[in-house]
PDB file of N, CA and C in Angstrom:
ATOM      1  N   MET A   1     131.698 126.711 108.950  1.00  0.00           N
ATOM      2  CA  MET A   1     130.273 127.126 108.006  1.00  0.00           C
ATOM      3  C   MET A   1     129.153 126.007 109.109  1.00  0.00           C
ATOM      4  N   SER A   2     127.987 127.062 108.758  1.00  0.00           N
ATOM      5  CA  SER A   2     127.191 126.418 110.011  1.00  0.00           C
ATOM      6  C   SER A   2     126.687 125.828 109.608  1.00  0.00           C
ATOM      7  N   THR A   3     125.795 124.517 110.111  1.00  0.00           N
ATOM      8  CA  THR A   3     125.243 124.011 109.334  1.00  0.00           C
ATOM      9  C   THR A   3     123.275 123.504 110.314  1.00  0.00           C
ATOM     10  N   TYR A   4     122.526 123.842 109.010  1.00  0.00           N
ATOM     11  CA  TYR A   4     120.793 123.889 109.935  1.00  0.00           C
ATOM     12  C   TYR A   4     119.449 122.864 108.947  1.00  0.00           C
ATOM     13  N   ILE A   5     119.033 122.531 110.358  1.00  0.00           N
ATOM     14  CA  ILE A   5     117.584 122.349 110.036  1.00  0.00           C
ATOM     15  C   ILE A   5     116.859 122.660 110.551  1.00  0.00           C
ATOM     16  N   VAL A   6     116.126 122.747 110.225  1.00  0.00           N
ATOM     17  CA  VAL A   6     114.915 123.878 110.324  1.00  0.00           C
ATOM     18  C   VAL A   6     113.895 122.766 110.101  1.00  0.00           C
ATOM     19  N   VAL A   7     112.955 123.303 112.008  1.00  0.00           N
ATOM     20  CA  VAL A   7     112.081 122.557 112.373  1.00  0.00           C
ATOM     21  C   VAL A   7     110.113 123.142 112.393  1.00  0.00           C
ATOM     22  N   VAL A   8     109.593 122.554 111.713  1.00  0.00           N
ATOM     23  CA  VAL A   8     108.020 123.031 111.436  1.00  0.00           C
ATOM     24  C   VAL A   8     107.017 122.770 112.374  1.00  0.00           C
ATOM     25  N   ASP A   9     106.521 123.644 113.139  1.00  0.00           N
ATOM     26  CA  ASP A   9     105.998 122.422 114.100  1.00  0.00           C
ATOM     27  C   ASP A   9     104.889 123.402 114.699  1.00  0.00           C
ATOM     28  N   ASP A  10     103.714 123.591 114.061  1.00  0.00           N
ATOM     29  CA  ASP A  10     102.267 125.182 115.293  1.00  0.00           C
ATOM     30  C   ASP A  10     102.816 124.588 117.363  1.00  0.00           C
ATOM     31  N   GLU A  11     103.229 123.707 116.948  1.00  0.00           N
ATOM     32  CA  GLU A  11     103.138 123.177 119.189  1.00  0.00           C
ATOM     33  C   GLU A  11     104.644 124.597 119.749  1.00  0.00           C
ATOM     34  N   PRO A  12     105.005 125.793 120.508  1.00  0.00           N
ATOM     35  CA  PRO A  12     106.091 126.151 120.704  1.00  0.00           C
ATOM     36  C   PRO A  12     107.177 124.758 121.898  1.00  0.00           C
ATOM     37  N   ASP A  13     106.100 123.996 121.764  1.00  0.00           N
ATOM     38  CA  ASP A  13     106.445 123.087 123.326  1.00  0.00           C
ATOM     39  C   ASP A  13     107.998 122.152 122.743  1.00  0.00           C
ATOM     40  N   VAL A  14     106.997 122.255 120.762  1.00  0.00           N
ATOM     41  CA  VAL A  14     108.464 121.163 120.285  1.00  0.00           C
ATOM     42  C   VAL A  14     109.570 121.526 119.958  1.00  0.00           C
ATOM     43  N   ALA A  15     109.876 122.924 120.624  1.00  0.00           N
ATOM     44  CA  ALA A  15     111.280 123.788 120.170  1.00  0.00           C
ATOM     45  C   ALA A  15     112.052 122.819 121.502  1.00  0.00           C
ATOM     46  N   GLU A  16     111.323 122.748 122.683  1.00  0.00           N
ATOM     47  CA  GLU A  16     112.641 123.042 123.506  1.00  0.00           C
ATOM     48  C   GLU A  16     112.343 121.047 123.377  1.00  0.00           C
ATOM     49  N   MET A  17     111.619 120.009 123.215  1.00  0.00           N
ATOM     50  CA  MET A  17     111.721 118.801 123.261  1.00  0.00           C
ATOM     51  C   MET A  17     113.008 118.400 122.362  1.00  0.00           C
ATOM     52  N   PHE A  18     113.041 119.688 120.908  1.00  0.00           N
ATOM     53  CA  PHE A  18     114.188 119.340 120.011  1.00  0.00           C
ATOM     54  C   PHE A  18     115.942 119.937 120.464  1.00  0.00           C
ATOM     55  N   ARG A  19     115.398 120.884 121.423  1.00  0.00           N
ATOM     56  CA  ARG A  19     116.175 120.987 121.511  1.00  0.00           C
ATOM     57  C   ARG A  19     116.824 120.518 123.093  1.00  0.00           C
ATOM     58  N   GLN A  20     115.977 119.860 124.160  1.00  0.00           N
ATOM     59  CA  GLN A  20     116.606 118.708 124.941  1.00  0.00           C
ATOM     60  C   GLN A  20     117.460 117.379 124.061  1.00  0.00           C
ATOM     61  N   GLN A  21     117.302 116.805 123.059  1.00  0.00           N
ATOM     62  CA  GLN A  21     117.240 116.238 122.243  1.00  0.00           C
ATOM     63  C   GLN A  21     119.097 115.847 122.267  1.00  0.00           C
ATOM     64  N   PHE A  22     119.385 117.482 120.913  1.00  0.00           N
ATOM     65  CA  PHE A  22     120.465 117.412 120.677  1.00  0.00           C
ATOM     66  C   PHE A  22     120.780 119.024 121.406  1.00  0.00           C
ATOM     67  N   ARG A  23     120.506 118.534 122.724  1.00  0.00           N
ATOM     68  CA  ARG A  23     121.535 119.577 123.254  1.00  0.00           C
ATOM     69  C   ARG A  23     122.629 119.715 123.191  1.00  0.00           C
ATOM     70  N   ARG A  24     123.486 118.399 122.854  1.00  0.00           N
ATOM     71  CA  ARG A  24     125.123 118.149 123.162  1.00  0.00           C
ATOM     72  C   ARG A  24     125.038 118.656 121.848  1.00  0.00           C
ATOM     73  N   ASP A  25     124.943 117.974 120.686  1.00  0.00           N
ATOM     74  CA  ASP A  25     125.031 118.525 119.410  1.00  0.00           C
ATOM     75  C   ASP A  25     124.813 120.701 118.703  1.00  0.00           C
ATOM     76  N   LEU A  26     123.850 120.869 119.319  1.00  0.00           N
ATOM     77  CA  LEU A  26     124.268 121.868 119.708  1.00  0.00           C
ATOM     78  C   LEU A  26     124.996 122.736 120.165  1.00  0.00           C
ATOM     79  N   ARG A  27     125.947 122.480 121.321  1.00  0.00           N
ATOM     80  CA  ARG A  27     126.459 122.599 122.789  1.00  0.00           C
ATOM     81  C   ARG A  27     127.870 122.844 121.473  1.00  0.00           C
ATOM     82  N   SER A  28     127.800 122.059 120.439  1.00  0.00           N
ATOM     83  CA  SER A  28     128.961 121.356 120.088  1.00  0.00           C
ATOM     84  C   SER A  28     129.258 122.329 119.111  1.00  0.00           C
ATOM     85  N   GLY A  29     128.416 121.982 118.144  1.00  0.00           N
ATOM     86  CA  GLY A  29     127.929 123.664 117.146  1.00  0.00           C
ATOM     87  C   GLY A  29     128.126 122.822 115.541  1.00  0.00           C
ATOM     88  N   ARG A  30     127.546 121.120 116.280  1.00  0.00           N
ATOM     89  CA  ARG A  30     127.685 120.043 114.795  1.00  0.00           C
ATOM     90  C   ARG A  30     126.891 120.713 114.156  1.00  0.00           C
ATOM     91  N   PHE A  31     125.594 121.465 114.502  1.00  0.00           N
ATOM     92  CA  PHE A  31     124.589 122.113 113.074  1.00  0.00           C
ATOM     93  C   PHE A  31     123.909 122.668 114.764  1.00  0.00           C
ATOM     94  N   MET A  32     122.441 123.043 113.646  1.00  0.00           N
ATOM     95  CA  MET A  32     121.787 124.752 114.142  1.00  0.00           C
ATOM     96  C   MET A  32     120.355 124.178 113.863  1.00  0.00           C
ATOM     97  N   LEU A  33     120.087 124.381 114.493  1.00  0.00           N
ATOM     98  CA  LEU A  33     118.289 124.295 114.849  1.00  0.00           C
ATOM     99  C   LEU A  33     118.001 125.780 114.879  1.00  0.00           C
ATOM    100  N   GLU A  34     116.491 125.508 113.614  1.00  0.00           N
ATOM    101  CA  GLU A  34     115.911 126.578 113.827  1.00  0.00           C
ATOM    102  C   GLU A  34     114.368 126.193 114.045  1.00  0.00           C
ATOM    103  N   PHE A  35     113.354 127.008 114.583  1.00  0.00           N
ATOM    104  CA  PHE A  35     112.415 126.557 114.661  1.00  0.00           C
ATOM    105  C   PHE A  35     111.655 127.402 113.627  1.00  0.00           C
ATOM    106  N   ALA A  36     109.862 127.178 112.904  1.00  0.00           N
ATOM    107  CA  ALA A  36     109.267 127.924 112.984  1.00  0.00           C
ATOM    108  C   ALA A  36     107.435 127.589 113.179  1.00  0.00           C
ATOM    109  N   LEU A  37     106.980 128.268 113.964  1.00  0.00           N
ATOM    110  CA  LEU A  37     105.877 128.143 114.116  1.00  0.00           C
ATOM    111  C   LEU A  37     104.443 127.576 112.695  1.00  0.00           C
ATOM    112  N   SER A  38     105.162 128.218 111.769  1.00  0.00           N
ATOM    113  CA  SER A  38     103.724 127.756 111.266  1.00  0.00           C
ATOM    114  C   SER A  38     104.774 127.432 109.689  1.00  0.00           C
ATOM    115  N   ALA A  39     103.895 127.232 108.728  1.00  0.00           N
ATOM    116  CA  ALA A  39     104.591 127.419 107.074  1.00  0.00           C
ATOM    117  C   ALA A  39     105.052 128.332 106.468  1.00  0.00           C
ATOM    118  N   PRO A  40     104.328 129.107 106.490  1.00  0.00           N
ATOM    119  CA  PRO A  40     104.882 130.073 105.547  1.00  0.00           C
ATOM    120  C   PRO A  40     106.014 131.244 106.659  1.00  0.00           C
ATOM    121  N   ALA A  41     105.812 130.630 107.905  1.00  0.00           N
ATOM    122  CA  ALA A  41     107.280 131.561 108.661  1.00  0.00           C
ATOM    123  C   ALA A  41     108.165 130.173 108.442  1.00  0.00           C
ATOM    124  N   ALA A  42     108.436 129.247 107.924  1.00  0.00           N
ATOM    125  CA  ALA A  42     108.853 128.845 107.258  1.00  0.00           C
ATOM    126  C   ALA A  42     109.805 128.587 106.049  1.00  0.00           C
ATOM    127  N   LEU A  43     108.776 129.509 105.332  1.00  0.00           N
ATOM    128  CA  LEU A  43     109.474 129.601 104.172  1.00  0.00           C
ATOM    129  C   LEU A  43     110.158 130.840 104.012  1.00  0.00           C
ATOM    130  N   GLU A  44     109.552 131.564 104.404  1.00  0.00           N
ATOM    131  CA  GLU A  44     110.648 132.241 105.142  1.00  0.00           C
ATOM    132  C   GLU A  44     112.052 132.081 105.189  1.00  0.00           C
ATOM    133  N   GLN A  45     112.151 131.551 106.311  1.00  0.00           N
ATOM    134  CA  GLN A  45     113.454 130.507 107.175  1.00  0.00           C
ATOM    135  C   GLN A  45     114.212 129.921 106.327  1.00  0.00           C
ATOM    136  N   VAL A  46     114.233 129.479 105.550  1.00  0.00           N
ATOM    137  CA  VAL A  46     113.885 128.639 104.649  1.00  0.00           C
ATOM    138  C   VAL A  46     114.923 129.373 102.871  1.00  0.00           C
ATOM    139  N   LYS A  47     114.162 130.625 103.019  1.00  0.00           N
ATOM    140  CA  LYS A  47     115.123 131.338 102.281  1.00  0.00           C
ATOM    141  C   LYS A  47     116.119 132.270 102.480  1.00  0.00           C
ATOM    142  N   ALA A  48     116.142 132.328 103.841  1.00  0.00           N
ATOM    143  CA  ALA A  48     116.898 133.075 104.585  1.00  0.00           C
ATOM    144  C   ALA A  48     119.031 132.002 104.885  1.00  0.00           C
ATOM    145  N   ILE A  49     118.102 131.047 104.870  1.00  0.00           N
ATOM    146  CA  ILE A  49     119.768 130.221 105.064  1.00  0.00           C
ATOM    147  C   ILE A  49     120.481 129.644 103.722  1.00  0.00           C
ATOM    148  N   PRO A  50     121.728 129.870 103.937  1.00  0.00           N
ATOM    149  CA  PRO A  50     122.519 130.468 102.595  1.00  0.00           C
ATOM    150  C   PRO A  50     122.684 128.456 101.964  1.00  0.00           C
ATOM    151  N   ASP A  51     122.608 128.574 100.683  1.00  0.00           N
ATOM    152  CA  ASP A  51     122.956 127.242 100.247  1.00  0.00           C
ATOM    153  C   ASP A  51     124.347 126.994 101.002  1.00  0.00           C
ATOM    154  N   PRO A  52     125.415 126.044 100.894  1.00  0.00           N
ATOM    155  CA  PRO A  52     124.945 124.412 100.974  1.00  0.00           C
ATOM    156  C   PRO A  52     124.277 124.294 103.220  1.00  0.00           C
ATOM    157  N   SER A  53     123.906 125.393 103.657  1.00  0.00           N
ATOM    158  CA  SER A  53     123.862 125.077 105.235  1.00  0.00           C
ATOM    159  C   SER A  53     122.627 124.281 105.069  1.00  0.00           C
ATOM    160  N   LEU A  54     121.597 124.082 104.934  1.00  0.00           N
ATOM    161  CA  LEU A  54     120.164 124.067 105.426  1.00  0.00           C
ATOM    162  C   LEU A  54     120.651 122.303 105.261  1.00  0.00           C
ATOM    163  N   ILE A  55     120.845 121.483 105.560  1.00  0.00           N
ATOM    164  CA  ILE A  55     120.666 119.902 105.299  1.00  0.00           C
ATOM    165  C   ILE A  55     119.347 119.354 105.914  1.00  0.00           C
ATOM    166  N   LEU A  56     118.568 119.974 106.350  1.00  0.00           N
ATOM    167  CA  LEU A  56     117.210 118.408 106.537  1.00  0.00           C
ATOM    168  C   LEU A  56     115.857 119.691 106.920  1.00  0.00           C
ATOM    169  N   ILE A  57     114.671 119.799 106.656  1.00  0.00           N
ATOM    170  CA  ILE A  57     113.716 120.446 107.095  1.00  0.00           C
ATOM    171  C   ILE A  57     112.492 118.641 107.651  1.00  0.00           C
ATOM    172  N   LEU A  58     112.447 119.840 109.213  1.00  0.00           N
ATOM    173  CA  LEU A  58     111.023 118.200 109.089  1.00  0.00           C
ATOM    174  C   LEU A  58     110.230 119.411 109.646  1.00  0.00           C
ATOM    175  N   SER A  59     109.153 118.652 108.863  1.00  0.00           N
ATOM    176  CA  SER A  59     107.748 119.790 109.465  1.00  0.00           C
ATOM    177  C   SER A  59     106.386 118.674 110.268  1.00  0.00           C
ATOM    178  N   ASP A  60     105.891 119.530 110.246  1.00  0.00           N
ATOM    179  CA  ASP A  60     104.848 118.419 111.341  1.00  0.00           C
ATOM    180  C   ASP A  60     103.561 118.793 109.392  1.00  0.00           C
ATOM    181  N   ILE A  61     102.396 118.172 109.238  1.00  0.00           N
ATOM    182  CA  ILE A  61     101.439 117.751 108.246  1.00  0.00           C
ATOM    183  C   ILE A  61     100.597 119.138 109.081  1.00  0.00           C
ATOM    184  N   ASN A  62     100.112 118.591 109.939  1.00  0.00           N
ATOM    185  CA  ASN A  62      98.945 118.890 110.451  1.00  0.00           C
ATOM    186  C   ASN A  62      98.895 120.653 111.963  1.00  0.00           C
ATOM    187  N   MET A  63      99.069 121.429 110.695  1.00  0.00           N
ATOM    188  CA  MET A  63      99.125 122.477 111.518  1.00  0.00           C
ATOM    189  C   MET A  63      98.192 123.999 110.925  1.00  0.00           C
ATOM    190  N   PRO A  64      97.111 124.496 111.697  1.00  0.00           N
ATOM    191  CA  PRO A  64      96.653 126.075 111.111  1.00  0.00           C
ATOM    192  C   PRO A  64      97.016 126.826 109.243  1.00  0.00           C
ATOM    193  N   GLY A  65      95.833 127.036 109.052  1.00  0.00           N
ATOM    194  CA  GLY A  65      97.113 127.926 107.839  1.00  0.00           C
ATOM    195  C   GLY A  65      97.112 127.175 106.900  1.00  0.00           C
ATOM    196  N   MET A  66      98.717 126.702 106.619  1.00  0.00           N
ATOM    197  CA  MET A  66      99.301 125.733 105.664  1.00  0.00           C
ATOM    198  C   MET A  66      99.137 124.619 106.112  1.00  0.00           C
ATOM    199  N   THR A  67      99.063 123.814 105.624  1.00  0.00           N
ATOM    200  CA  THR A  67      99.609 122.473 106.139  1.00  0.00           C
ATOM    201  C   THR A  67     101.211 122.310 106.269  1.00  0.00           C
ATOM    202  N   GLY A  68     101.401 121.413 106.261  1.00  0.00           N
ATOM    203  CA  GLY A  68     102.888 120.768 105.555  1.00  0.00           C
ATOM    204  C   GLY A  68     103.007 120.095 104.868  1.00  0.00           C
ATOM    205  N   LEU A  69     101.546 119.158 104.483  1.00  0.00           N
ATOM    206  CA  LEU A  69     101.558 118.993 102.760  1.00  0.00           C
ATOM    207  C   LEU A  69     100.906 120.593 101.901  1.00  0.00           C
ATOM    208  N   GLU A  70     100.692 121.681 101.984  1.00  0.00           N
ATOM    209  CA  GLU A  70     100.315 122.139 101.519  1.00  0.00           C
ATOM    210  C   GLU A  70     102.229 123.248 101.299  1.00  0.00           C
ATOM    211  N   MET A  71     102.974 122.959 101.896  1.00  0.00           N
ATOM    212  CA  MET A  71     104.266 124.102 101.912  1.00  0.00           C
ATOM    213  C   MET A  71     105.062 122.852 101.154  1.00  0.00           C
ATOM    214  N   LEU A  72     104.998 121.917 101.521  1.00  0.00           N
ATOM    215  CA  LEU A  72     106.257 120.737 100.395  1.00  0.00           C
ATOM    216  C   LEU A  72     106.703 121.230  99.563  1.00  0.00           C
ATOM    217  N   PRO A  73     105.430 121.054  98.244  1.00  0.00           N
ATOM    218  CA  PRO A  73     105.392 121.480  97.185  1.00  0.00           C
ATOM    219  C   PRO A  73     106.592 122.817  97.085  1.00  0.00           C
ATOM    220  N   LYS A  74     105.994 123.675  97.492  1.00  0.00           N
ATOM    221  CA  LYS A  74     107.133 124.820  97.899  1.00  0.00           C
ATOM    222  C   LYS A  74     107.979 125.649  97.777  1.00  0.00           C
ATOM    223  N   VAL A  75     108.481 124.296  99.398  1.00  0.00           N
ATOM    224  CA  VAL A  75     109.614 124.679  99.920  1.00  0.00           C
ATOM    225  C   VAL A  75     110.485 123.978  98.644  1.00  0.00           C
ATOM    226  N   LYS A  76     109.652 122.612  98.351  1.00  0.00           N
ATOM    227  CA  LYS A  76     110.404 122.083  96.644  1.00  0.00           C
ATOM    228  C   LYS A  76     111.065 122.526  95.612  1.00  0.00           C
ATOM    229  N   ALA A  77     110.304 123.566  95.770  1.00  0.00           N
ATOM    230  CA  ALA A  77     110.805 124.616  94.430  1.00  0.00           C
ATOM    231  C   ALA A  77     111.676 125.191  94.788  1.00  0.00           C
ATOM    232  N   GLU A  78     111.360 126.164  96.071  1.00  0.00           N
ATOM    233  CA  GLU A  78     112.903 127.213  97.241  1.00  0.00           C
ATOM    234  C   GLU A  78     113.544 125.859  96.773  1.00  0.00           C
ATOM    235  N   ARG A  79     113.895 124.765  97.393  1.00  0.00           N
ATOM    236  CA  ARG A  79     115.497 124.281  97.739  1.00  0.00           C
ATOM    237  C   ARG A  79     115.239 122.951  97.204  1.00  0.00           C
ATOM    238  N   PRO A  80     115.246 122.091  96.097  1.00  0.00           N
ATOM    239  CA  PRO A  80     115.001 121.082  95.605  1.00  0.00           C
ATOM    240  C   PRO A  80     115.623 120.214  96.436  1.00  0.00           C
ATOM    241  N   ASN A  81     116.942 120.662  96.206  1.00  0.00           N
ATOM    242  CA  ASN A  81     117.756 119.226  97.201  1.00  0.00           C
ATOM    243  C   ASN A  81     118.126 119.196  98.318  1.00  0.00           C
ATOM    244  N   VAL A  82     116.778 119.946  99.636  1.00  0.00           N
ATOM    245  CA  VAL A  82     117.493 119.789 100.628  1.00  0.00           C
ATOM    246  C   VAL A  82     116.179 118.814 101.201  1.00  0.00           C
ATOM    247  N   PRO A  83     116.334 117.131 101.641  1.00  0.00           N
ATOM    248  CA  PRO A  83     115.275 116.585 101.652  1.00  0.00           C
ATOM    249  C   PRO A  83     114.343 117.028 103.146  1.00  0.00           C
ATOM    250  N   VAL A  84     112.801 116.704 102.580  1.00  0.00           N
ATOM    251  CA  VAL A  84     111.568 117.283 103.156  1.00  0.00           C
ATOM    252  C   VAL A  84     111.499 115.964 104.136  1.00  0.00           C
ATOM    253  N   ILE A  85     111.343 115.722 105.680  1.00  0.00           N
ATOM    254  CA  ILE A  85     110.958 114.784 106.529  1.00  0.00           C
ATOM    255  C   ILE A  85     109.582 115.156 106.918  1.00  0.00           C
ATOM    256  N   MET A  86     108.146 115.172 106.893  1.00  0.00           N
ATOM    257  CA  MET A  86     106.964 115.435 107.182  1.00  0.00           C
ATOM    258  C   MET A  86     106.999 114.092 108.942  1.00  0.00           C
ATOM    259  N   ILE A  87     106.824 114.875 109.580  1.00  0.00           N
ATOM    260  CA  ILE A  87     105.815 114.085 110.996  1.00  0.00           C
ATOM    261  C   ILE A  87     104.669 114.421 111.506  1.00  0.00           C
ATOM    262  N   THR A  88     104.378 113.399 111.427  1.00  0.00           N
ATOM    263  CA  THR A  88     102.278 113.216 112.133  1.00  0.00           C
ATOM    264  C   THR A  88     102.193 112.085 112.392  1.00  0.00           C
ATOM    265  N   ALA A  89     100.680 112.978 113.763  1.00  0.00           N
ATOM    266  CA  ALA A  89     100.396 111.769 114.456  1.00  0.00           C
ATOM    267  C   ALA A  89      99.368 110.638 112.951  1.00  0.00           C
ATOM    268  N   TYR A  90      99.660 110.520 112.320  1.00  0.00           N
ATOM    269  CA  TYR A  90      98.611 110.466 111.220  1.00  0.00           C
ATOM    270  C   TYR A  90      98.896 109.666 110.627  1.00  0.00           C
ATOM    271  N   GLY A  91      99.918 108.629 110.129  1.00  0.00           N
ATOM    272  CA  GLY A  91     100.672 108.037 109.857  1.00  0.00           C
ATOM    273  C   GLY A  91     100.615 106.968 108.457  1.00  0.00           C
ATOM    274  N   ASP A  92      98.904 107.372 108.333  1.00  0.00           N
ATOM    275  CA  ASP A  92      98.149 106.469 107.504  1.00  0.00           C
ATOM    276  C   ASP A  92      99.323 105.606 105.867  1.00  0.00           C
ATOM    277  N   ASP A  93      98.771 105.184 105.324  1.00  0.00           N
ATOM    278  CA  ASP A  93      99.398 104.815 104.003  1.00  0.00           C
ATOM    279  C   ASP A  93      98.667 105.972 103.039  1.00  0.00           C
ATOM    280  N   ALA A  94      97.654 106.672 103.413  1.00  0.00           N
ATOM    281  CA  ALA A  94      97.189 107.870 102.214  1.00  0.00           C
ATOM    282  C   ALA A  94      97.788 109.049 102.466  1.00  0.00           C
ATOM    283  N   THR A  95      98.949 109.029 103.905  1.00  0.00           N
ATOM    284  CA  THR A  95      99.341 110.395 103.884  1.00  0.00           C
ATOM    285  C   THR A  95     100.350 110.258 103.672  1.00  0.00           C
ATOM    286  N   ARG A  96     101.617 108.997 104.427  1.00  0.00           N
ATOM    287  CA  ARG A  96     102.579 108.885 103.643  1.00  0.00           C
ATOM    288  C   ARG A  96     102.416 108.439 102.187  1.00  0.00           C
ATOM    289  N   THR A  97     101.881 108.174 101.150  1.00  0.00           N
ATOM    290  CA  THR A  97     101.868 108.097  99.817  1.00  0.00           C
ATOM    291  C   THR A  97     101.719 109.332  99.206  1.00  0.00           C
ATOM    292  N   ARG A  98     100.902 110.534  99.580  1.00  0.00           N
ATOM    293  CA  ARG A  98     100.753 111.786  99.154  1.00  0.00           C
ATOM    294  C   ARG A  98     102.051 112.737  99.152  1.00  0.00           C
ATOM    295  N   ALA A  99     102.314 112.580 100.706  1.00  0.00           N
ATOM    296  CA  ALA A  99     103.488 112.951 101.002  1.00  0.00           C
ATOM    297  C   ALA A  99     104.686 112.960  99.639  1.00  0.00           C
ATOM    298  N   VAL A 100     105.299 111.329  99.768  1.00  0.00           N
ATOM    299  CA  VAL A 100     106.208 111.451  98.821  1.00  0.00           C
ATOM    300  C   VAL A 100     105.384 111.323  97.881  1.00  0.00           C
ATOM    301  N   GLU A 101     104.562 111.686  97.337  1.00  0.00           N
ATOM    302  CA  GLU A 101     104.425 112.336  95.787  1.00  0.00           C
ATOM    303  C   GLU A 101     104.669 113.490  95.825  1.00  0.00           C
ATOM    304  N   LEU A 102     104.783 114.489  97.042  1.00  0.00           N
ATOM    305  CA  LEU A 102     105.378 114.893  96.995  1.00  0.00           C
ATOM    306  C   LEU A 102     106.131 116.142  97.332  1.00  0.00           C
ATOM    307  N   GLY A 103     106.985 114.956  96.999  1.00  0.00           N
ATOM    308  CA  GLY A 103     108.614 115.503  97.551  1.00  0.00           C
ATOM    309  C   GLY A 103     109.921 114.760  98.846  1.00  0.00           C
ATOM    310  N   ALA A 104     108.507 114.379  99.531  1.00  0.00           N
ATOM    311  CA  ALA A 104     109.000 114.075 101.107  1.00  0.00           C
ATOM    312  C   ALA A 104     110.193 112.728 100.852  1.00  0.00           C
ATOM    313  N   ALA A 105     111.053 113.224 101.747  1.00  0.00           N
ATOM    314  CA  ALA A 105     112.227 112.274 101.320  1.00  0.00           C
ATOM    315  C   ALA A 105     111.971 111.078 102.563  1.00  0.00           C
ATOM    316  N   GLY A 106     110.505 111.717 103.080  1.00  0.00           N
ATOM    317  CA  GLY A 106     110.453 110.118 104.885  1.00  0.00           C
ATOM    318  C   GLY A 106     108.546 111.539 104.943  1.00  0.00           C
ATOM    319  N   LEU A 107     108.863 110.394 105.682  1.00  0.00           N
ATOM    320  CA  LEU A 107     107.768 110.364 107.342  1.00  0.00           C
ATOM    321  C   LEU A 107     107.490 109.585 108.623  1.00  0.00           C
ATOM    322  N   LEU A 108     107.788 110.508 109.598  1.00  0.00           N
ATOM    323  CA  LEU A 108     108.435 109.904 110.909  1.00  0.00           C
ATOM    324  C   LEU A 108     106.508 110.830 111.474  1.00  0.00           C
ATOM    325  N   PRO A 109     106.898 109.137 112.459  1.00  0.00           N
ATOM    326  CA  PRO A 109     105.431 109.646 113.142  1.00  0.00           C
ATOM    327  C   PRO A 109     105.390 109.642 114.323  1.00  0.00           C
ATOM    328  N   LYS A 110     104.078 110.602 114.915  1.00  0.00           N
ATOM    329  CA  LYS A 110     104.454 111.006 116.785  1.00  0.00           C
ATOM    330  C   LYS A 110     104.475 109.704 117.559  1.00  0.00           C
ATOM    331  N   PRO A 111     104.359 109.924 118.614  1.00  0.00           N
ATOM    332  CA  PRO A 111     106.137 111.061 118.814  1.00  0.00           C
ATOM    333  C   PRO A 111     106.992 110.224 118.721  1.00  0.00           C
ATOM    334  N   ILE A 112     107.621 111.216 117.822  1.00  0.00           N
ATOM    335  CA  ILE A 112     109.347 111.575 116.928  1.00  0.00           C
ATOM    336  C   ILE A 112     109.824 110.379 118.286  1.00  0.00           C
ATOM    337  N   ASP A 113     110.380 108.928 117.161  1.00  0.00           N
ATOM    338  CA  ASP A 113     111.240 107.990 117.935  1.00  0.00           C
ATOM    339  C   ASP A 113     113.006 109.062 117.443  1.00  0.00           C
ATOM    340  N   PHE A 114     113.552 109.768 118.920  1.00  0.00           N
ATOM    341  CA  PHE A 114     114.700 110.226 118.125  1.00  0.00           C
ATOM    342  C   PHE A 114     115.899 109.427 118.547  1.00  0.00           C
ATOM    343  N   SER A 115     115.797 107.801 118.628  1.00  0.00           N
ATOM    344  CA  SER A 115     117.238 107.525 118.059  1.00  0.00           C
ATOM    345  C   SER A 115     117.286 107.085 116.608  1.00  0.00           C
ATOM    346  N   LEU A 116     115.460 107.154 115.718  1.00  0.00           N
ATOM    347  CA  LEU A 116     115.640 107.706 114.324  1.00  0.00           C
ATOM    348  C   LEU A 116     115.879 108.066 113.577  1.00  0.00           C
ATOM    349  N   LEU A 117     115.222 109.514 113.668  1.00  0.00           N
ATOM    350  CA  LEU A 117     115.497 110.827 113.823  1.00  0.00           C
ATOM    351  C   LEU A 117     117.316 111.542 113.521  1.00  0.00           C
ATOM    352  N   ARG A 118     118.119 110.955 115.543  1.00  0.00           N
ATOM    353  CA  ARG A 118     119.485 110.619 115.094  1.00  0.00           C
ATOM    354  C   ARG A 118     119.777 110.309 114.237  1.00  0.00           C
ATOM    355  N   GLN A 119     119.682 108.996 113.458  1.00  0.00           N
ATOM    356  CA  GLN A 119     120.493 108.281 112.369  1.00  0.00           C
ATOM    357  C   GLN A 119     120.174 108.997 111.005  1.00  0.00           C
ATOM    358  N   GLU A 120     118.798 109.642 110.858  1.00  0.00           N
ATOM    359  CA  GLU A 120     118.506 110.469 109.651  1.00  0.00           C
ATOM    360  C   GLU A 120     119.491 111.323 109.479  1.00  0.00           C
ATOM    361  N   ILE A 121     119.651 112.410 110.910  1.00  0.00           N
ATOM    362  CA  ILE A 121     120.229 113.949 110.912  1.00  0.00           C
ATOM    363  C   ILE A 121     121.773 113.682 110.876  1.00  0.00           C
ATOM    364  N   GLU A 122     122.623 111.714 110.838  1.00  0.00           N
ATOM    365  CA  GLU A 122     123.809 111.978 110.721  1.00  0.00           C
ATOM    366  C   GLU A 122     124.020 111.255 109.244  1.00  0.00           C
ATOM    367  N   LYS A 123     123.932 110.755 108.644  1.00  0.00           N
ATOM    368  CA  LYS A 123     123.395 110.052 107.201  1.00  0.00           C
ATOM    369  C   LYS A 123     123.788 111.408 106.573  1.00  0.00           C
ATOM    370  N   ARG A 124     122.540 112.730 106.919  1.00  0.00           N
ATOM    371  CA  ARG A 124     122.311 113.966 106.204  1.00  0.00           C
ATOM    372  C   ARG A 124     124.000 114.966 106.892  1.00  0.00           C
ATOM    373  N   LEU A 125     124.619 114.745 107.885  1.00  0.00           N
ATOM    374  CA  LEU A 125     125.368 115.960 107.901  1.00  0.00           C
ATOM    375  C   LEU A 125     127.016 114.243 106.883  1.00  0.00           C
ATOM    376  N   GLU A 126     126.948 113.500 106.940  1.00  0.00           N
ATOM    377  CA  GLU A 126     127.438 112.710 106.583  1.00  0.00           C
ATOM    378  C   GLU A 126     127.711 113.683 104.576  1.00  0.00           C
ATOM    379  N   ARG A 127     126.498 113.308 104.332  1.00  0.00           N
ATOM    380  CA  ARG A 127     126.838 113.714 103.018  1.00  0.00           C
ATOM    381  C   ARG A 127     126.652 115.553 103.074  1.00  0.00           C
ATOM    382  N   ALA A 128     126.892 116.423 103.773  1.00  0.00           N
ATOM    383  CA  ALA A 128     126.871 117.276 103.641  1.00  0.00           C
ATOM    384  C   ALA A 128     128.650 117.937 103.679  1.00  0.00           C
ATOM    385  N   ALA A 129     129.470 117.113 104.356  1.00  0.00           N
ATOM    386  CA  ALA A 129     130.752 116.759 105.131  1.00  0.00           C
ATOM    387  C   ALA A 129     131.851 116.850 104.083  1.00  0.00           C
TER     388      ALA A 129
END
């Protein structure tokens, strides 16, 4: 069974950055990365990935149209057991509090600390095993 992580960010170059950081994991098939350029697209992807294959959703907060914070309760309603970590360049206390209130498992500041993100992914992989 494949294990999926969905990354939601309106900046197309984010996908390449993630593929570079996790290229060994992707090549070995430890997990699959799916990318969505908008919150509505992410919601469709989340619906399409079968349980319990989806182990983590990483979402930017500031996106045009539906923001990551607006998407969060919708995705949690669809997949309540899948942790969502919000990613933002604006990691102030109010944003962090709002994200947690809406069900986020955490908040990562931009630029992304990929060693910290790798630790989060490892925890999710262990739980899914």
